Each structure stands twice: as structure tokens, then as C-alpha cells.
Amino acid sequence: MITLLEAIVNGVSLGALYSLIALGFVIIYRATGVLNFAHGAFLLVGTYVTAEVGASHGFALGLTSGLAAGAAVGWLTHSVFMRFSRDRSHISLTVMTLGINILAVTEITRRIGDRTIPMTEPWGSAEMHLGPVTVPQVRMVALLLATIVIIGFLLAFRYTRWGLKLRVSAADGETAALMGVRLTKVSATSWIIGGLMATLAGLFLASFPSPGIDPGLSNSAMRAFPAAVIGGLDSVGGALVGGLALGLAESITATYESGLGAIGNGLSGIVAYLVLFAVLLVRPDGFFGKKAVARV
């Protein structure tokens, strides 16, 4: 029973990080209609800068620099590639993000080489005891910080002018533009927020269970992509539910997969996609996604 409780606590913490990444996918999709497959690059670039700067100037400056780098990559992706592309179709722009991801990840991989860059985070490998349950302190810090960021984002999404503009432009971009909403500014802000959230999640994913940063860290973004699809690519609440569901599924599977013999070998690495396929068979638009209505 204690093992299950530990798996649940770890799963909720991991799910909160997946929710952060999934929110990035959702807000960019809502603002632009583009599926951003460069999210892994945002995560890797921001986390890499955090580790490199933090190693010589301390964690606080490293974190600040990393968040700035993640936001800058998001802004550059929008301003250089998305905004001035000659082909404005969503499919072409989505494919372009794949190319951006390959270029950025390849460059960071070249810089890292065969190293694993350690993080300089202040919590280290300490553990916390919640009654009979023992969990890594980094997991609890990740859960607390991710919860604060998610609540802050939801409040901003619901009560600020930016949130109103995003909701209106997602519902009807042409009408929003006629009403004075600057769609370019809303779009750019969404890409910046996506970069910030990816970097923040990457910081904790690089702290535990991995010992530091390596090029494979960018794959974490694609592990969170099913969360956005399961919840619905146009649903903010769906991203939260999908992230928590996948975090719990992955953590519980990793805890018990060794007892499943050959069937369970490596099952935790693909359980997110198994859940994704199962959900799409029943709800192709995700649990909270809106079905597209076409008039004929």
C-alpha cells in the first residue's frame, strides 16, 4: 500500500509537469492553429542555458537566464519563422516546427557532446517523509511550483485582457481583428508563454530521475504531447486533466512493470501512447475538445 501511495504522489508531481508542457501546446494551438512540435527544443534550450549559467554563476542567475532563453526561442520561432512564412497554412507551419526542433536539438546536442550536464538546483537529492510515504524533495517542489504557475495562468486566462483576447481570437480570429484585437501580439505572447512553461518543466525533469541534462531530455515534450490531445487541443482544462492522467499512469506502471514479466518490460515508456490510442478510439477530439462544425 505504501508503494502505491508513493507512486501516486510521484505521479501527481510528474503529471503537473506534463500539464505545464501540455498547456504550452494548447495555448499556441488556440492562438495560431499550429501544433508546435518545436516544444522539445524550447525545453532543451532553456534547461541547457539554466545548467550552463548556473554552473558558474549560481542557480538563481541560471534559472533566470534559462527562462529568458526559453521565452526568446518561443518569440523567435513566432517572429522569424511563423510570422513571415510565405505559406500561411497551419499544416505547413506545423511541419516547419518539426524542422525548427531538429535544428535546435541538433545544435544543443553538438554543444553537449557526450556529457551529462548536472543541475545546480538547491534541493539536491533530499527526501521528504509524508507519514509513511517517502518521496524525493524535488518532486514536492515541482508539484508546488507547477501548481502555483498553473493557477496563475488560469487566473490570467480567465480575468486578464490577454486571456480575453486569446479566447476571442480562438473563437473567431477575423471578428477579433475587426474589434481591434492585435492577433500578432496575442500569438507572440502565446509562443513566449509556451517557451517559459517548457523550460520550467524541463528544469525539474532534468533534476529527477535523470542526473542532469542530455539531448534525450527534449523527448520529454513529446511524452507530454498525448496529454494535450487526450484533454483536447483547444481545452486548457483538458491539458491539466490529461497531464495528471498520464503522470499517474506512467508512475504506477513504472512501479509495477517489473512484476509483469516480459510484457511489462519498458511498458512505462509507451503507456502514454497506449492511453492516447485508447482515448482517440472513443473520443477523437479528446475528452474536452470541441468538435468542428462544418456547414454544407
Foldseek 3Di string as FASTA:
>chain_A
DLLLVQLLLLLQLQLLLLLLLLLLQQLLCLLQVARQPLLLLLQQQLQVQLLVCCVPPNNVVSNVRSLVRLLVVLLCLCPPPQPPDPDNDRVVSNVVSVVVNVVSLVVVQVVQPPHFRAHPDPQAQDWDDDDPHIYGPLSVVSSVVSVVVLVVVVCCLPPPPLNVLSVVCSVPVVVSVVVPRDSSVSSSVSSSSSSNSSNSSSNSVQRPPNRGDHSCSSCVSVLSNLQNQQLASNDSVSSSVSSSVLSSQLSVLVSCLVVVPPVSVCCSVCVSVVVSVVSCVPPVRHPNYDDDDDDD
